[in-house]
Amino acid sequence: MSINDYLKEHHPQYREPTLRKMYATIQSLTQWPQRGRMGREEGTRELLFPPLPYLAAYRLKEQDIEVLRIYHGAQDWR
């Protein structure tokens, strides 16, 4: 289930502000691509969305930023 679908079903009042915060935070990578911490897998970085319980795994590819996946902090993602 996507984050959008989950929030729409369970917490509709938080859906829009949560998605806006996540989008703006990911957009900030265009100016600060090294902003995220070193990732758990080689060649990746992790971007947190405080105070939200999510993180985005991403990698830098020359001039591009590739978001691999967005995880919930309680999710087992190994």
PDB file of N, CA and C in Angstrom:
ATOM      1  N   MET A   1       0.853  -1.170   0.000  1.00  0.00           N
ATOM      2  CA  MET A   1       0.000   0.000   0.000  1.00  0.00           C
ATOM      3  C   MET A   1       0.901   1.236   0.000  1.00  0.00           C
ATOM      4  N   SER A   2       0.588   2.206  -0.819  1.00  0.00           N
ATOM      5  CA  SER A   2       1.393   3.422  -0.890  1.00  0.00           C
ATOM      6  C   SER A   2       1.122   4.315   0.334  1.00  0.00           C
ATOM      7  N   ILE A   3       2.037   5.234   0.580  1.00  0.00           N
ATOM      8  CA  ILE A   3       1.866   6.176   1.686  1.00  0.00           C
ATOM      9  C   ILE A   3       0.598   6.995   1.463  1.00  0.00           C
ATOM     10  N   ASN A   4       0.403   7.431   0.244  1.00  0.00           N
ATOM     11  CA  ASN A   4      -0.795   8.205  -0.092  1.00  0.00           C
ATOM     12  C   ASN A   4      -2.059   7.423   0.232  1.00  0.00           C
ATOM     13  N   ASP A   5      -2.129   6.184  -0.211  1.00  0.00           N
ATOM     14  CA  ASP A   5      -3.317   5.364   0.029  1.00  0.00           C
ATOM     15  C   ASP A   5      -3.537   5.098   1.511  1.00  0.00           C
ATOM     16  N   TYR A   6      -2.446   4.808   2.217  1.00  0.00           N
ATOM     17  CA  TYR A   6      -2.557   4.537   3.647  1.00  0.00           C
ATOM     18  C   TYR A   6      -3.109   5.752   4.390  1.00  0.00           C
ATOM     19  N   LEU A   7      -2.515   6.916   4.122  1.00  0.00           N
ATOM     20  CA  LEU A   7      -2.969   8.124   4.813  1.00  0.00           C
ATOM     21  C   LEU A   7      -4.396   8.490   4.415  1.00  0.00           C
ATOM     22  N   LYS A   8      -4.722   8.314   3.169  1.00  0.00           N
ATOM     23  CA  LYS A   8      -6.076   8.608   2.700  1.00  0.00           C
ATOM     24  C   LYS A   8      -7.112   7.773   3.447  1.00  0.00           C
ATOM     25  N   GLU A   9      -6.769   6.516   3.689  1.00  0.00           N
ATOM     26  CA  GLU A   9      -7.688   5.592   4.358  1.00  0.00           C
ATOM     27  C   GLU A   9      -7.705   5.770   5.878  1.00  0.00           C
ATOM     28  N   HIS A  10      -6.537   5.942   6.490  1.00  0.00           N
ATOM     29  CA  HIS A  10      -6.436   5.923   7.950  1.00  0.00           C
ATOM     30  C   HIS A  10      -6.321   7.303   8.610  1.00  0.00           C
ATOM     31  N   HIS A  11      -5.706   8.248   7.927  1.00  0.00           N
ATOM     32  CA  HIS A  11      -5.472   9.581   8.508  1.00  0.00           C
ATOM     33  C   HIS A  11      -5.635  10.654   7.429  1.00  0.00           C
ATOM     34  N   PRO A  12      -6.820  10.813   6.882  1.00  0.00           N
ATOM     35  CA  PRO A  12      -6.987  11.739   5.761  1.00  0.00           C
ATOM     36  C   PRO A  12      -6.584  13.182   6.071  1.00  0.00           C
ATOM     37  N   GLN A  13      -6.691  13.594   7.321  1.00  0.00           N
ATOM     38  CA  GLN A  13      -6.328  14.967   7.680  1.00  0.00           C
ATOM     39  C   GLN A  13      -4.824  15.208   7.592  1.00  0.00           C
ATOM     40  N   TYR A  14      -4.019  14.144   7.644  1.00  0.00           N
ATOM     41  CA  TYR A  14      -2.559  14.280   7.565  1.00  0.00           C
ATOM     42  C   TYR A  14      -2.004  14.014   6.178  1.00  0.00           C
ATOM     43  N   ARG A  15      -2.842  13.539   5.277  1.00  0.00           N
ATOM     44  CA  ARG A  15      -2.374  13.141   3.945  1.00  0.00           C
ATOM     45  C   ARG A  15      -1.681  14.287   3.214  1.00  0.00           C
ATOM     46  N   GLU A  16      -2.380  15.369   3.000  1.00  0.00           N
ATOM     47  CA  GLU A  16      -1.815  16.469   2.210  1.00  0.00           C
ATOM     48  C   GLU A  16      -0.574  17.092   2.853  1.00  0.00           C
ATOM     49  N   PRO A  17      -0.614  17.463   4.143  1.00  0.00           N
ATOM     50  CA  PRO A  17       0.600  18.059   4.716  1.00  0.00           C
ATOM     51  C   PRO A  17       1.794  17.099   4.735  1.00  0.00           C
ATOM     52  N   THR A  18       1.536  15.827   4.930  1.00  0.00           N
ATOM     53  CA  THR A  18       2.630  14.844   4.938  1.00  0.00           C
ATOM     54  C   THR A  18       3.262  14.742   3.559  1.00  0.00           C
ATOM     55  N   LEU A  19       2.451  14.612   2.531  1.00  0.00           N
ATOM     56  CA  LEU A  19       2.976  14.493   1.176  1.00  0.00           C
ATOM     57  C   LEU A  19       3.689  15.770   0.734  1.00  0.00           C
ATOM     58  N   ARG A  20       3.171  16.913   1.128  1.00  0.00           N
ATOM     59  CA  ARG A  20       3.841  18.182   0.800  1.00  0.00           C
ATOM     60  C   ARG A  20       5.216  18.278   1.471  1.00  0.00           C
ATOM     61  N   LYS A  21       5.278  17.886   2.728  1.00  0.00           N
ATOM     62  CA  LYS A  21       6.557  17.917   3.461  1.00  0.00           C
ATOM     63  C   LYS A  21       7.567  16.983   2.803  1.00  0.00           C
ATOM     64  N   MET A  22       7.126  15.790   2.445  1.00  0.00           N
ATOM     65  CA  MET A  22       8.029  14.826   1.822  1.00  0.00           C
ATOM     66  C   MET A  22       8.512  15.334   0.465  1.00  0.00           C
ATOM     67  N   TYR A  23       7.614  15.886  -0.329  1.00  0.00           N
ATOM     68  CA  TYR A  23       7.977  16.404  -1.641  1.00  0.00           C
ATOM     69  C   TYR A  23       8.993  17.546  -1.511  1.00  0.00           C
ATOM     70  N   ALA A  24       8.735  18.484  -0.614  1.00  0.00           N
ATOM     71  CA  ALA A  24       9.633  19.630  -0.428  1.00  0.00           C
ATOM     72  C   ALA A  24      11.013  19.171   0.051  1.00  0.00           C
ATOM     73  N   THR A  25      11.038  18.197   0.942  1.00  0.00           N
ATOM     74  CA  THR A  25      12.313  17.698   1.455  1.00  0.00           C
ATOM     75  C   THR A  25      13.113  17.014   0.348  1.00  0.00           C
ATOM     76  N   ILE A  26      12.445  16.219  -0.465  1.00  0.00           N
ATOM     77  CA  ILE A  26      13.134  15.567  -1.592  1.00  0.00           C
ATOM     78  C   ILE A  26      13.597  16.612  -2.602  1.00  0.00           C
ATOM     79  N   GLN A  27      12.777  17.615  -2.867  1.00  0.00           N
ATOM     80  CA  GLN A  27      13.164  18.692  -3.792  1.00  0.00           C
ATOM     81  C   GLN A  27      14.427  19.400  -3.318  1.00  0.00           C
ATOM     82  N   SER A  28      14.626  19.491  -2.003  1.00  0.00           N
ATOM     83  CA  SER A  28      15.807  20.176  -1.467  1.00  0.00           C
ATOM     84  C   SER A  28      17.100  19.482  -1.876  1.00  0.00           C
ATOM     85  N   LEU A  29      17.012  18.233  -2.276  1.00  0.00           N
ATOM     86  CA  LEU A  29      18.210  17.507  -2.712  1.00  0.00           C
ATOM     87  C   LEU A  29      18.802  18.102  -3.983  1.00  0.00           C
ATOM     88  N   THR A  30      18.010  18.808  -4.766  1.00  0.00           N
ATOM     89  CA  THR A  30      18.553  19.415  -5.983  1.00  0.00           C
ATOM     90  C   THR A  30      19.611  20.463  -5.645  1.00  0.00           C
ATOM     91  N   GLN A  31      19.470  21.114  -4.492  1.00  0.00           N
ATOM     92  CA  GLN A  31      20.467  22.094  -4.068  1.00  0.00           C
ATOM     93  C   GLN A  31      21.505  21.494  -3.130  1.00  0.00           C
ATOM     94  N   TRP A  32      21.109  20.510  -2.333  1.00  0.00           N
ATOM     95  CA  TRP A  32      22.009  19.885  -1.362  1.00  0.00           C
ATOM     96  C   TRP A  32      21.960  18.366  -1.509  1.00  0.00           C
ATOM     97  N   PRO A  33      22.529  17.806  -2.563  1.00  0.00           N
ATOM     98  CA  PRO A  33      22.410  16.364  -2.805  1.00  0.00           C
ATOM     99  C   PRO A  33      23.074  15.496  -1.732  1.00  0.00           C
ATOM    100  N   GLN A  34      24.032  16.037  -1.015  1.00  0.00           N
ATOM    101  CA  GLN A  34      24.707  15.270   0.042  1.00  0.00           C
ATOM    102  C   GLN A  34      24.002  15.417   1.388  1.00  0.00           C
ATOM    103  N   ARG A  35      22.852  16.046   1.389  1.00  0.00           N
ATOM    104  CA  ARG A  35      22.128  16.342   2.627  1.00  0.00           C
ATOM    105  C   ARG A  35      21.851  15.103   3.469  1.00  0.00           C
ATOM    106  N   GLY A  36      21.491  14.022   2.846  1.00  0.00           N
ATOM    107  CA  GLY A  36      21.172  12.798   3.580  1.00  0.00           C
ATOM    108  C   GLY A  36      22.407  12.128   4.158  1.00  0.00           C
ATOM    109  N   ARG A  37      22.185  11.277   5.121  1.00  0.00           N
ATOM    110  CA  ARG A  37      23.289  10.531   5.740  1.00  0.00           C
ATOM    111  C   ARG A  37      23.693   9.374   4.816  1.00  0.00           C
ATOM    112  N   MET A  38      24.842   8.785   5.088  1.00  0.00           N
ATOM    113  CA  MET A  38      25.291   7.623   4.328  1.00  0.00           C
ATOM    114  C   MET A  38      24.266   6.508   4.487  1.00  0.00           C
ATOM    115  N   GLY A  39      23.984   5.815   3.397  1.00  0.00           N
ATOM    116  CA  GLY A  39      22.977   4.767   3.415  1.00  0.00           C
ATOM    117  C   GLY A  39      23.493   3.446   3.958  1.00  0.00           C
ATOM    118  N   ARG A  40      22.588   2.549   4.197  1.00  0.00           N
ATOM    119  CA  ARG A  40      22.940   1.219   4.701  1.00  0.00           C
ATOM    120  C   ARG A  40      23.527   0.345   3.610  1.00  0.00           C
ATOM    121  N   GLU A  41      23.184   0.637   2.361  1.00  0.00           N
ATOM    122  CA  GLU A  41      23.761  -0.091   1.233  1.00  0.00           C
ATOM    123  C   GLU A  41      24.779   0.814   0.542  1.00  0.00           C
ATOM    124  N   GLU A  42      25.860   0.228   0.098  1.00  0.00           N
ATOM    125  CA  GLU A  42      26.928   0.998  -0.537  1.00  0.00           C
ATOM    126  C   GLU A  42      26.383   1.811  -1.715  1.00  0.00           C
ATOM    127  N   GLY A  43      26.818   3.065  -1.787  1.00  0.00           N
ATOM    128  CA  GLY A  43      26.420   3.937  -2.884  1.00  0.00           C
ATOM    129  C   GLY A  43      25.077   4.623  -2.701  1.00  0.00           C
ATOM    130  N   THR A  44      24.472   4.444  -1.525  1.00  0.00           N
ATOM    131  CA  THR A  44      23.180   5.088  -1.275  1.00  0.00           C
ATOM    132  C   THR A  44      23.296   6.088  -0.130  1.00  0.00           C
ATOM    133  N   ARG A  45      22.287   6.923  -0.041  1.00  0.00           N
ATOM    134  CA  ARG A  45      22.147   7.870   1.058  1.00  0.00           C
ATOM    135  C   ARG A  45      20.728   7.761   1.580  1.00  0.00           C
ATOM    136  N   GLU A  46      20.498   8.262   2.783  1.00  0.00           N
ATOM    137  CA  GLU A  46      19.176   8.213   3.407  1.00  0.00           C
ATOM    138  C   GLU A  46      18.792   9.611   3.875  1.00  0.00           C
ATOM    139  N   LEU A  47      17.609  10.013   3.498  1.00  0.00           N
ATOM    140  CA  LEU A  47      17.104  11.332   3.844  1.00  0.00           C
ATOM    141  C   LEU A  47      15.935  11.182   4.806  1.00  0.00           C
ATOM    142  N   LEU A  48      16.049  11.820   5.956  1.00  0.00           N
ATOM    143  CA  LEU A  48      14.980  11.785   6.955  1.00  0.00           C
ATOM    144  C   LEU A  48      14.004  12.934   6.716  1.00  0.00           C
ATOM    145  N   PHE A  49      12.785  12.768   7.227  1.00  0.00           N
ATOM    146  CA  PHE A  49      11.738  13.774   7.097  1.00  0.00           C
ATOM    147  C   PHE A  49      11.215  14.193   8.478  1.00  0.00           C
ATOM    148  N   PRO A  50      12.066  14.713   9.362  1.00  0.00           N
ATOM    149  CA  PRO A  50      11.575  15.044  10.695  1.00  0.00           C
ATOM    150  C   PRO A  50      10.458  16.076  10.637  1.00  0.00           C
ATOM    151  N   PRO A  51       9.441  15.943  11.434  1.00  0.00           N
ATOM    152  CA  PRO A  51       9.207  14.961  12.476  1.00  0.00           C
ATOM    153  C   PRO A  51       8.461  13.721  11.981  1.00  0.00           C
ATOM    154  N   LEU A  52       8.351  13.568  10.673  1.00  0.00           N
ATOM    155  CA  LEU A  52       7.635  12.418  10.116  1.00  0.00           C
ATOM    156  C   LEU A  52       8.442  11.132  10.292  1.00  0.00           C
ATOM    157  N   PRO A  53       7.780   9.988  10.392  1.00  0.00           N
ATOM    158  CA  PRO A  53       8.483   8.726  10.625  1.00  0.00           C
ATOM    159  C   PRO A  53       8.919   8.025   9.334  1.00  0.00           C
ATOM    160  N   TYR A  54       9.347   8.800   8.336  1.00  0.00           N
ATOM    161  CA  TYR A  54       9.730   8.227   7.049  1.00  0.00           C
ATOM    162  C   TYR A  54      11.174   8.556   6.721  1.00  0.00           C
ATOM    163  N   LEU A  55      11.747   7.749   5.826  1.00  0.00           N
ATOM    164  CA  LEU A  55      13.052   8.068   5.276  1.00  0.00           C
ATOM    165  C   LEU A  55      13.086   7.614   3.834  1.00  0.00           C
ATOM    166  N   ALA A  56      13.830   8.357   3.027  1.00  0.00           N
ATOM    167  CA  ALA A  56      13.970   8.034   1.608  1.00  0.00           C
ATOM    168  C   ALA A  56      15.372   7.515   1.367  1.00  0.00           C
ATOM    169  N   ALA A  57      15.472   6.377   0.707  1.00  0.00           N
ATOM    170  CA  ALA A  57      16.754   5.853   0.262  1.00  0.00           C
ATOM    171  C   ALA A  57      16.960   6.379  -1.157  1.00  0.00           C
ATOM    172  N   TYR A  58      18.132   6.964  -1.401  1.00  0.00           N
ATOM    173  CA  TYR A  58      18.399   7.521  -2.726  1.00  0.00           C
ATOM    174  C   TYR A  58      19.867   7.352  -3.075  1.00  0.00           C
ATOM    175  N   ARG A  59      20.157   7.574  -4.363  1.00  0.00           N
ATOM    176  CA  ARG A  59      21.552   7.558  -4.791  1.00  0.00           C
ATOM    177  C   ARG A  59      21.767   8.673  -5.797  1.00  0.00           C
ATOM    178  N   LEU A  60      22.999   9.119  -5.847  1.00  0.00           N
ATOM    179  CA  LEU A  60      23.391  10.169  -6.779  1.00  0.00           C
ATOM    180  C   LEU A  60      23.975   9.510  -8.011  1.00  0.00           C
ATOM    181  N   LYS A  61      23.519   9.940  -9.171  1.00  0.00           N
ATOM    182  CA  LYS A  61      24.007   9.414 -10.441  1.00  0.00           C
ATOM    183  C   LYS A  61      24.366  10.605 -11.313  1.00  0.00           C
ATOM    184  N   GLU A  62      25.658  10.972 -11.314  1.00  0.00           N
ATOM    185  CA  GLU A  62      26.155  12.147 -12.016  1.00  0.00           C
ATOM    186  C   GLU A  62      25.359  13.371 -11.578  1.00  0.00           C
ATOM    187  N   GLN A  63      24.533  13.934 -12.442  1.00  0.00           N
ATOM    188  CA  GLN A  63      23.748  15.119 -12.095  1.00  0.00           C
ATOM    189  C   GLN A  63      22.333  14.781 -11.645  1.00  0.00           C
ATOM    190  N   ASP A  64      22.019  13.498 -11.566  1.00  0.00           N
ATOM    191  CA  ASP A  64      20.670  13.070 -11.210  1.00  0.00           C
ATOM    192  C   ASP A  64      20.603  12.527  -9.789  1.00  0.00           C
ATOM    193  N   ILE A  65      19.412  12.594  -9.228  1.00  0.00           N
ATOM    194  CA  ILE A  65      19.125  12.010  -7.921  1.00  0.00           C
ATOM    195  C   ILE A  65      18.054  10.958  -8.144  1.00  0.00           C
ATOM    196  N   GLU A  66      18.340   9.742  -7.762  1.00  0.00           N
ATOM    197  CA  GLU A  66      17.399   8.640  -7.945  1.00  0.00           C
ATOM    198  C   GLU A  66      16.857   8.216  -6.585  1.00  0.00           C
ATOM    199  N   VAL A  67      15.581   8.490  -6.345  1.00  0.00           N
ATOM    200  CA  VAL A  67      14.946   8.049  -5.107  1.00  0.00           C
ATOM    201  C   VAL A  67      14.565   6.588  -5.315  1.00  0.00           C
ATOM    202  N   LEU A  68      15.144   5.721  -4.503  1.00  0.00           N
ATOM    203  CA  LEU A  68      14.931   4.285  -4.652  1.00  0.00           C
ATOM    204  C   LEU A  68      13.635   3.838  -3.997  1.00  0.00           C
ATOM    205  N   ARG A  69      13.396   4.356  -2.802  1.00  0.00           N
ATOM    206  CA  ARG A  69      12.191   3.961  -2.076  1.00  0.00           C
ATOM    207  C   ARG A  69      12.031   4.846  -0.849  1.00  0.00           C
ATOM    208  N   ILE A  70      10.794   4.998  -0.401  1.00  0.00           N
ATOM    209  CA  ILE A  70      10.510   5.714   0.831  1.00  0.00           C
ATOM    210  C   ILE A  70       9.954   4.697   1.819  1.00  0.00           C
ATOM    211  N   TYR A  71      10.561   4.654   2.999  1.00  0.00           N
ATOM    212  CA  TYR A  71      10.207   3.678   4.026  1.00  0.00           C
ATOM    213  C   TYR A  71       9.601   4.364   5.244  1.00  0.00           C
ATOM    214  N   HIS A  72       8.722   3.637   5.932  1.00  0.00           N
ATOM    215  CA  HIS A  72       8.244   4.054   7.242  1.00  0.00           C
ATOM    216  C   HIS A  72       9.270   3.559   8.252  1.00  0.00           C
ATOM    217  N   GLY A  73       9.541   4.347   9.266  1.00  0.00           N
ATOM    218  CA  GLY A  73      10.549   3.988  10.254  1.00  0.00           C
ATOM    219  C   GLY A  73      10.297   2.665  10.959  1.00  0.00           C
ATOM    220  N   ALA A  74       9.049   2.230  11.077  1.00  0.00           N
ATOM    221  CA  ALA A  74       8.732   0.974  11.747  1.00  0.00           C
ATOM    222  C   ALA A  74       8.794  -0.232  10.793  1.00  0.00           C
ATOM    223  N   GLN A  75       9.032   0.035   9.538  1.00  0.00           N
ATOM    224  CA  GLN A  75       9.053  -1.015   8.525  1.00  0.00           C
ATOM    225  C   GLN A  75      10.372  -1.771   8.551  1.00  0.00           C
ATOM    226  N   ASP A  76      10.311  -3.094   8.416  1.00  0.00           N
ATOM    227  CA  ASP A  76      11.514  -3.902   8.290  1.00  0.00           C
ATOM    228  C   ASP A  76      11.904  -3.893   6.826  1.00  0.00           C
ATOM    229  N   TRP A  77      12.989  -3.206   6.496  1.00  0.00           N
ATOM    230  CA  TRP A  77      13.314  -3.002   5.083  1.00  0.00           C
ATOM    231  C   TRP A  77      14.673  -3.547   4.666  1.00  0.00           C
ATOM    232  N   ARG A  78      15.132  -4.547   5.370  1.00  0.00           N
ATOM    233  CA  ARG A  78      16.413  -5.158   4.985  1.00  0.00           C
ATOM    234  C   ARG A  78      16.227  -6.209   3.951  1.00  0.00           C
TER     235      ARG A  78
END
